[in-house]
Protein backbone atom coordinates (compact mmCIF):
# COMPACT_ATOMS: atom_id res chain seq x y z
CA MET A 1 58.15 20.03 37.84
CA THR A 2 56.03 21.59 40.56
CA PHE A 3 52.41 20.51 40.87
CA PHE A 4 50.10 21.58 43.71
CA GLY A 5 53.09 22.98 45.59
CA ARG A 6 55.00 19.70 45.46
CA THR A 7 58.04 18.93 43.37
CA PHE A 8 57.78 15.73 41.34
CA ASP A 9 60.83 13.76 40.29
CA GLY A 10 60.95 11.59 37.17
CA GLN A 11 59.50 8.46 38.75
CA GLU A 12 56.51 10.26 40.27
CA LEU A 13 55.89 12.12 37.02
CA PHE A 14 55.95 8.84 35.09
CA ALA A 15 53.49 7.30 37.58
CA LEU A 16 51.13 10.26 37.20
CA VAL A 17 51.26 10.11 33.41
CA SER A 18 50.70 6.34 33.48
CA LEU A 19 47.73 6.70 35.81
CA LEU A 20 46.14 9.33 33.57
CA THR A 21 46.77 7.16 30.49
CA VAL A 22 45.05 4.17 32.08
CA LEU A 23 42.11 6.36 33.10
CA ALA A 24 41.74 7.66 29.54
CA PHE A 25 42.02 4.10 28.20
CA TRP A 26 39.17 2.90 30.43
CA LEU A 27 37.01 5.88 29.47
CA PHE A 28 37.14 4.59 25.89
CA VAL A 29 36.98 0.87 26.63
CA LEU A 30 34.16 0.75 29.19
CA PRO A 31 31.35 1.96 26.88
CA ARG A 32 32.42 -0.51 24.20
CA GLU A 33 32.48 -3.33 26.74
CA ARG A 34 28.97 -2.46 27.94
CA ASP A 35 27.74 -2.33 24.34
CA TYR A 36 29.30 -5.74 23.64
CA THR A 37 27.63 -7.22 26.73
CA ARG A 38 24.26 -5.77 25.75
CA ARG A 39 24.54 -7.12 22.18
CA PHE A 40 25.59 -10.54 23.44
CA LYS A 41 22.62 -10.73 25.81
CA GLN A 42 20.25 -9.79 22.98
CA TRP A 43 21.81 -12.40 20.71
CA GLU A 44 21.58 -15.05 23.43
CA ALA A 45 17.90 -14.24 24.13
CA GLY A 46 17.10 -14.42 20.40
CA ARG A 47 18.92 -17.71 20.05
CA ARG A 48 17.07 -19.15 23.03
CA ALA A 49 13.72 -17.96 21.64
CA ARG A 50 14.45 -19.48 18.22
CA ARG A 51 15.47 -22.75 19.86
CA LEU A 52 12.32 -22.91 22.00
CA ALA A 53 10.15 -22.10 18.97
CA GLN A 54 11.84 -24.81 16.96
CA GLU A 55 11.49 -27.39 19.73
CA SER A 56 7.82 -26.63 20.35
CA GLY A 57 6.93 -26.45 16.66
CA GLY A 58 8.76 -29.61 15.67
CA SER A 59 6.31 -32.07 17.30
CA ALA A 60 3.21 -31.05 15.33
CA SER A 61 2.50 -31.35 11.65
CA PRO A 62 1.89 -28.21 9.56
CA ASP A 63 -1.90 -28.62 9.88
CA GLY A 64 -1.62 -28.56 13.70
CA ARG A 65 -2.36 -32.23 14.43
CA PRO A 66 0.18 -34.24 16.40
CA ARG A 67 2.12 -36.81 14.46
CA GLY A 68 4.00 -39.94 15.31
CA PRO A 69 3.07 -43.45 16.38
CA TRP A 70 1.01 -42.27 19.39
CA GLY A 71 -0.48 -39.16 17.76
C-alpha cells in the first residue's frame, strides 16, 4: 500500500490502523470520563452539604433552643 508517497509493509500498516483505533476509542471515552467526573463532584458536594446540615441541625431542638445538660 502506498500512502503519502511511501510504501507501507504489513507491520507499519498494522501500527497505523492500531493508532487510529486508539484515537477513535479515546474520542468516545474522554467525554464520558469528563461527564463521570462532573457527576461525581456534584454528588460529593451534595453529600458534604447534607452532612454539614445534619451536623449543624442536630444540636438544637426543633423549636430552636439548645438542648442537653448545659443548654
